[in-house]
Amino acid sequence: KEEAQFKHRFDRVFDNYKRLILRQKRFNW
């Protein structure tokens, strides 16, 4: 249960960070 919760929370970190770096890439371009 703890591992599932950790993965769920980290998935949210991952998804937001992916959007962040994609937006950062467009900005840097």
All heavy atoms as atom14 arrays in JSON, in Angstrom:
{
  "sequence": "KEEAQFKHRFDRVFDNYKRLILRQKRFNW",
  "atom14_mask": [
    [1, 1, 1, 1, 1, 1, 1, 1, 1, 0, 0, 0, 0, 0],
    [1, 1, 1, 1, 1, 1, 1, 1, 1, 0, 0, 0, 0, 0],
    [1, 1, 1, 1, 1, 1, 1, 1, 1, 0, 0, 0, 0, 0],
    [1, 1, 1, 1, 1, 0, 0, 0, 0, 0, 0, 0, 0, 0],
    [1, 1, 1, 1, 1, 1, 1, 1, 1, 0, 0, 0, 0, 0],
    [1, 1, 1, 1, 1, 1, 1, 1, 1, 1, 1, 0, 0, 0],
    [1, 1, 1, 1, 1, 1, 1, 1, 1, 0, 0, 0, 0, 0],
    [1, 1, 1, 1, 1, 1, 1, 1, 1, 1, 0, 0, 0, 0],
    [1, 1, 1, 1, 1, 1, 1, 1, 1, 1, 1, 0, 0, 0],
    [1, 1, 1, 1, 1, 1, 1, 1, 1, 1, 1, 0, 0, 0],
    [1, 1, 1, 1, 1, 1, 1, 1, 0, 0, 0, 0, 0, 0],
    [1, 1, 1, 1, 1, 1, 1, 1, 1, 1, 1, 0, 0, 0],
    [1, 1, 1, 1, 1, 1, 1, 0, 0, 0, 0, 0, 0, 0],
    [1, 1, 1, 1, 1, 1, 1, 1, 1, 1, 1, 0, 0, 0],
    [1, 1, 1, 1, 1, 1, 1, 1, 0, 0, 0, 0, 0, 0],
    [1, 1, 1, 1, 1, 1, 1, 1, 0, 0, 0, 0, 0, 0],
    [1, 1, 1, 1, 1, 1, 1, 1, 1, 1, 1, 1, 0, 0],
    [1, 1, 1, 1, 1, 1, 1, 1, 1, 0, 0, 0, 0, 0],
    [1, 1, 1, 1, 1, 1, 1, 1, 1, 1, 1, 0, 0, 0],
    [1, 1, 1, 1, 1, 1, 1, 1, 0, 0, 0, 0, 0, 0],
    [1, 1, 1, 1, 1, 1, 1, 1, 0, 0, 0, 0, 0, 0],
    [1, 1, 1, 1, 1, 1, 1, 1, 0, 0, 0, 0, 0, 0],
    [1, 1, 1, 1, 1, 1, 1, 1, 1, 1, 1, 0, 0, 0],
    [1, 1, 1, 1, 1, 1, 1, 1, 1, 0, 0, 0, 0, 0],
    [1, 1, 1, 1, 1, 1, 1, 1, 1, 0, 0, 0, 0, 0],
    [1, 1, 1, 1, 1, 1, 1, 1, 1, 1, 1, 0, 0, 0],
    [1, 1, 1, 1, 1, 1, 1, 1, 1, 1, 1, 0, 0, 0],
    [1, 1, 1, 1, 1, 1, 1, 1, 0, 0, 0, 0, 0, 0],
    [1, 1, 1, 1, 1, 1, 1, 1, 1, 1, 1, 1, 1, 1]
  ],
  "atom14_positions": [
    [[0.83, -1.2, 0.0], [0.0, 0.0, 0.0], [0.86, 1.25, 0.0], [0.58, 2.22, -0.74], [-0.9, -0.02, 1.24], [-1.81, 1.2, 1.36], [-2.83, 1.25, 0.26], [-3.81, 2.41, 0.48], [-4.79, 2.5, -0.61], [0.0, 0.0, 0.0], [0.0, 0.0, 0.0], [0.0, 0.0, 0.0], [0.0, 0.0, 0.0], [0.0, 0.0, 0.0]],
    [[1.93, 1.25, 0.81], [2.82, 2.41, 0.86], [3.51, 2.61, -0.48], [3.63, 3.73, -0.97], [3.86, 2.23, 1.97], [3.29, 2.23, 3.37], [2.61, 3.53, 3.73], [3.15, 4.59, 3.38], [1.54, 3.49, 4.36], [0.0, 0.0, 0.0], [0.0, 0.0, 0.0], [0.0, 0.0, 0.0], [0.0, 0.0, 0.0], [0.0, 0.0, 0.0]],
    [[3.97, 1.49, -1.08], [4.65, 1.6, -2.37], [3.71, 2.15, -3.43], [4.11, 2.98, -4.26], [5.18, 0.23, -2.79], [5.99, 0.28, -4.08], [6.58, -1.07, -4.45], [6.23, -2.08, -3.79], [7.39, -1.12, -5.4], [0.0, 0.0, 0.0], [0.0, 0.0, 0.0], [0.0, 0.0, 0.0], [0.0, 0.0, 0.0], [0.0, 0.0, 0.0]],
    [[2.46, 1.68, -3.41], [1.49, 2.18, -4.38], [1.27, 3.68, -4.19], [1.16, 4.43, -5.16], [0.17, 1.42, -4.23], [0.0, 0.0, 0.0], [0.0, 0.0, 0.0], [0.0, 0.0, 0.0], [0.0, 0.0, 0.0], [0.0, 0.0, 0.0], [0.0, 0.0, 0.0], [0.0, 0.0, 0.0], [0.0, 0.0, 0.0], [0.0, 0.0, 0.0]],
    [[1.2, 4.12, -2.92], [1.02, 5.54, -2.65], [2.23, 6.35, -3.11], [2.09, 7.42, -3.71], [0.77, 5.77, -1.16], [0.48, 7.21, -0.81], [0.42, 7.44, 0.68], [1.41, 7.27, 1.39], [-0.75, 7.82, 1.17], [0.0, 0.0, 0.0], [0.0, 0.0, 0.0], [0.0, 0.0, 0.0], [0.0, 0.0, 0.0], [0.0, 0.0, 0.0]],
    [[3.44, 5.84, -2.83], [4.66, 6.53, -3.26], [4.69, 6.67, -4.79], [5.02, 7.74, -5.32], [5.9, 5.77, -2.79], [6.09, 5.76, -1.3], [6.78, 4.73, -0.68], [5.58, 6.77, -0.51], [6.96, 4.71, 0.69], [5.74, 6.77, 0.87], [6.43, 5.72, 1.46], [0.0, 0.0, 0.0], [0.0, 0.0, 0.0], [0.0, 0.0, 0.0]],
    [[4.37, 5.58, -5.46], [4.41, 5.61, -6.92], [3.37, 6.57, -7.47], [3.62, 7.28, -8.46], [4.19, 4.2, -7.48], [5.4, 3.29, -7.27], [5.17, 1.91, -7.89], [6.4, 1.04, -7.73], [6.2, -0.32, -8.32], [0.0, 0.0, 0.0], [0.0, 0.0, 0.0], [0.0, 0.0, 0.0], [0.0, 0.0, 0.0], [0.0, 0.0, 0.0]],
    [[2.2, 6.59, -6.83], [1.15, 7.52, -7.28], [1.62, 8.97, -7.11], [1.45, 9.79, -8.03], [-0.13, 7.29, -6.48], [-1.18, 8.32, -6.72], [-1.86, 8.44, -7.92], [-1.67, 9.31, -5.91], [-2.71, 9.45, -7.83], [-2.62, 9.99, -6.64], [0.0, 0.0, 0.0], [0.0, 0.0, 0.0], [0.0, 0.0, 0.0], [0.0, 0.0, 0.0]],
    [[2.2, 9.27, -5.96], [2.67, 10.64, -5.73], [3.82, 10.99, -6.66], [3.89, 12.11, -7.17], [3.09, 10.82, -4.27], [1.91, 10.87, -3.3], [2.37, 10.99, -1.86], [1.22, 11.04, -0.96], [0.81, 12.12, -0.32], [1.45, 13.26, -0.51], [-0.22, 12.09, 0.49], [0.0, 0.0, 0.0], [0.0, 0.0, 0.0], [0.0, 0.0, 0.0]],
    [[4.72, 10.02, -6.88], [5.85, 10.32, -7.77], [5.39, 10.45, -9.22], [5.96, 11.23, -9.98], [6.94, 9.26, -7.67], [8.16, 9.62, -8.47], [9.04, 10.58, -8.01], [8.39, 9.04, -9.7], [10.16, 10.94, -8.76], [9.5, 9.39, -10.46], [10.38, 10.34, -9.98], [0.0, 0.0, 0.0], [0.0, 0.0, 0.0], [0.0, 0.0, 0.0]],
    [[4.37, 9.69, -9.6], [3.83, 9.83, -10.96], [3.33, 11.25, -11.18], [3.48, 11.8, -12.28], [2.69, 8.84, -11.17], [3.2, 7.42, -11.4], [4.4, 7.26, -11.67], [2.39, 6.47, -11.28], [0.0, 0.0, 0.0], [0.0, 0.0, 0.0], [0.0, 0.0, 0.0], [0.0, 0.0, 0.0], [0.0, 0.0, 0.0], [0.0, 0.0, 0.0]],
    [[2.73, 11.83, -10.16], [2.27, 13.22, -10.28], [3.47, 14.16, -10.42], [3.42, 15.12, -11.2], [1.44, 13.6, -9.06], [0.15, 12.78, -8.94], [-0.61, 13.14, -7.68], [-1.1, 14.51, -7.74], [-1.57, 15.18, -6.7], [-1.59, 14.61, -5.51], [-2.0, 16.41, -6.84], [0.0, 0.0, 0.0], [0.0, 0.0, 0.0], [0.0, 0.0, 0.0]],
    [[4.54, 13.89, -9.66], [5.77, 14.68, -9.8], [6.32, 14.54, -11.21], [6.69, 15.52, -11.87], [6.82, 14.23, -8.78], [8.16, 14.93, -9.03], [6.35, 14.51, -7.35], [0.0, 0.0, 0.0], [0.0, 0.0, 0.0], [0.0, 0.0, 0.0], [0.0, 0.0, 0.0], [0.0, 0.0, 0.0], [0.0, 0.0, 0.0], [0.0, 0.0, 0.0]],
    [[6.37, 13.29, -11.68], [6.91, 13.0, -13.01], [6.11, 13.68, -14.1], [6.67, 14.32, -15.01], [6.94, 11.48, -13.22], [7.46, 11.06, -14.57], [8.82, 10.92, -14.8], [6.58, 10.83, -15.62], [9.3, 10.54, -16.05], [7.05, 10.45, -16.87], [8.41, 10.3, -17.09], [0.0, 0.0, 0.0], [0.0, 0.0, 0.0], [0.0, 0.0, 0.0]],
    [[4.77, 13.53, -14.05], [3.92, 14.11, -15.09], [4.04, 15.63, -15.13], [4.13, 16.22, -16.22], [2.46, 13.72, -14.84], [2.21, 12.24, -15.06], [3.04, 11.59, -15.73], [1.2, 11.72, -14.55], [0.0, 0.0, 0.0], [0.0, 0.0, 0.0], [0.0, 0.0, 0.0], [0.0, 0.0, 0.0], [0.0, 0.0, 0.0], [0.0, 0.0, 0.0]],
    [[4.04, 16.26, -13.97], [4.16, 17.73, -13.95], [5.53, 18.16, -14.45], [5.65, 19.14, -15.2], [3.92, 18.26, -12.54], [3.82, 19.77, -12.51], [2.8, 20.36, -12.8], [4.93, 20.42, -12.15], [0.0, 0.0, 0.0], [0.0, 0.0, 0.0], [0.0, 0.0, 0.0], [0.0, 0.0, 0.0], [0.0, 0.0, 0.0], [0.0, 0.0, 0.0]],
    [[6.58, 17.41, -14.04], [7.94, 17.79, -14.46], [8.12, 17.59, -15.96], [8.81, 18.36, -16.62], [8.97, 16.98, -13.69], [10.38, 17.51, -13.86], [10.71, 18.78, -13.41], [11.36, 16.74, -14.48], [11.99, 19.29, -13.57], [12.64, 17.23, -14.63], [12.95, 18.5, -14.18], [14.23, 18.99, -14.35], [0.0, 0.0, 0.0], [0.0, 0.0, 0.0]],
    [[7.47, 16.55, -16.49], [7.53, 16.34, -17.94], [6.91, 17.51, -18.67], [7.46, 18.01, -19.67], [6.82, 15.03, -18.3], [6.94, 14.67, -19.77], [6.27, 13.34, -20.05], [6.37, 12.99, -21.54], [5.71, 11.69, -21.83], [0.0, 0.0, 0.0], [0.0, 0.0, 0.0], [0.0, 0.0, 0.0], [0.0, 0.0, 0.0], [0.0, 0.0, 0.0]],
    [[5.74, 17.97, -18.19], [5.12, 19.15, -18.8], [6.01, 20.37, -18.65], [6.11, 21.21, -19.54], [3.75, 19.4, -18.16], [2.7, 18.37, -18.53], [1.3, 18.84, -18.14], [1.15, 18.95, -16.7], [0.73, 17.95, -15.93], [0.45, 16.78, -16.48], [0.59, 18.12, -14.64], [0.0, 0.0, 0.0], [0.0, 0.0, 0.0], [0.0, 0.0, 0.0]],
    [[6.69, 20.46, -17.49], [7.57, 21.59, -17.25], [8.74, 21.62, -18.22], [9.06, 22.66, -18.81], [8.09, 21.53, -15.8], [9.07, 22.62, -15.36], [8.43, 23.99, -15.45], [9.56, 22.35, -13.94], [0.0, 0.0, 0.0], [0.0, 0.0, 0.0], [0.0, 0.0, 0.0], [0.0, 0.0, 0.0], [0.0, 0.0, 0.0], [0.0, 0.0, 0.0]],
    [[9.39, 20.46, -18.43], [10.56, 20.46, -19.32], [10.15, 20.62, -20.78], [10.9, 21.19, -21.58], [11.43, 19.2, -19.11], [10.65, 17.93, -19.42], [11.99, 19.16, -17.7], [11.52, 16.67, -19.31], [0.0, 0.0, 0.0], [0.0, 0.0, 0.0], [0.0, 0.0, 0.0], [0.0, 0.0, 0.0], [0.0, 0.0, 0.0], [0.0, 0.0, 0.0]],
    [[8.95, 20.12, -21.14], [8.48, 20.34, -22.5], [8.22, 21.82, -22.74], [8.56, 22.36, -23.81], [7.21, 19.52, -22.75], [7.4, 18.0, -22.9], [6.05, 17.3, -22.98], [8.25, 17.68, -24.12], [0.0, 0.0, 0.0], [0.0, 0.0, 0.0], [0.0, 0.0, 0.0], [0.0, 0.0, 0.0], [0.0, 0.0, 0.0], [0.0, 0.0, 0.0]],
    [[7.59, 22.47, -21.77], [7.35, 23.91, -21.89], [8.67, 24.67, -21.87], [8.86, 25.64, -22.59], [6.44, 24.37, -20.75], [6.17, 25.86, -20.72], [5.48, 26.38, -21.94], [4.2, 25.75, -22.18], [3.32, 26.19, -23.09], [3.61, 27.25, -23.85], [2.17, 25.57, -23.27], [0.0, 0.0, 0.0], [0.0, 0.0, 0.0], [0.0, 0.0, 0.0]],
    [[9.62, 24.2, -21.03], [10.94, 24.83, -20.97], [11.67, 24.68, -22.3], [12.35, 25.6, -22.76], [11.77, 24.18, -19.86], [13.12, 24.85, -19.6], [12.98, 26.2, -18.97], [12.4, 26.32, -17.91], [13.5, 27.22, -19.63], [0.0, 0.0, 0.0], [0.0, 0.0, 0.0], [0.0, 0.0, 0.0], [0.0, 0.0, 0.0], [0.0, 0.0, 0.0]],
    [[11.53, 23.5, -22.94], [12.15, 23.29, -24.25], [11.6, 24.28, -25.28], [12.36, 24.89, -26.05], [11.9, 21.85, -24.72], [12.54, 21.52, -26.06], [12.04, 20.21, -26.62], [10.61, 20.36, -27.14], [10.16, 19.16, -27.89], [0.0, 0.0, 0.0], [0.0, 0.0, 0.0], [0.0, 0.0, 0.0], [0.0, 0.0, 0.0], [0.0, 0.0, 0.0]],
    [[10.29, 24.44, -25.28], [9.69, 25.38, -26.23], [10.16, 26.8, -25.95], [10.48, 27.56, -26.87], [8.17, 25.29, -26.13], [7.43, 26.09, -27.17], [5.92, 25.97, -27.02], [5.5, 24.57, -27.1], [4.24, 24.17, -26.96], [3.29, 25.08, -26.7], [3.93, 22.91, -27.05], [0.0, 0.0, 0.0], [0.0, 0.0, 0.0], [0.0, 0.0, 0.0]],
    [[10.22, 27.14, -24.65], [10.69, 28.48, -24.29], [12.14, 28.67, -24.72], [12.51, 29.72, -25.27], [10.55, 28.68, -22.78], [11.06, 30.0, -22.28], [10.31, 31.15, -22.39], [12.34, 30.08, -21.72], [10.79, 32.37, -21.94], [12.83, 31.29, -21.27], [12.05, 32.44, -21.38], [0.0, 0.0, 0.0], [0.0, 0.0, 0.0], [0.0, 0.0, 0.0]],
    [[12.99, 27.68, -24.46], [14.41, 27.79, -24.83], [14.6, 27.88, -26.34], [15.52, 28.54, -26.82], [15.2, 26.59, -24.28], [15.35, 26.63, -22.78], [15.21, 27.69, -22.17], [15.61, 25.49, -22.17], [0.0, 0.0, 0.0], [0.0, 0.0, 0.0], [0.0, 0.0, 0.0], [0.0, 0.0, 0.0], [0.0, 0.0, 0.0], [0.0, 0.0, 0.0]],
    [[13.73, 27.19, -27.08], [13.82, 27.26, -28.54], [13.65, 28.7, -29.03], [14.47, 29.21, -29.78], [12.76, 26.34, -29.15], [12.63, 26.45, -30.63], [11.75, 27.22, -31.33], [13.43, 25.77, -31.62], [11.92, 27.07, -32.67], [12.95, 26.19, -32.89], [14.48, 24.87, -31.56], [13.5, 25.72, -34.07], [15.03, 24.4, -32.74], [14.55, 24.83, -33.99]]
  ]
}
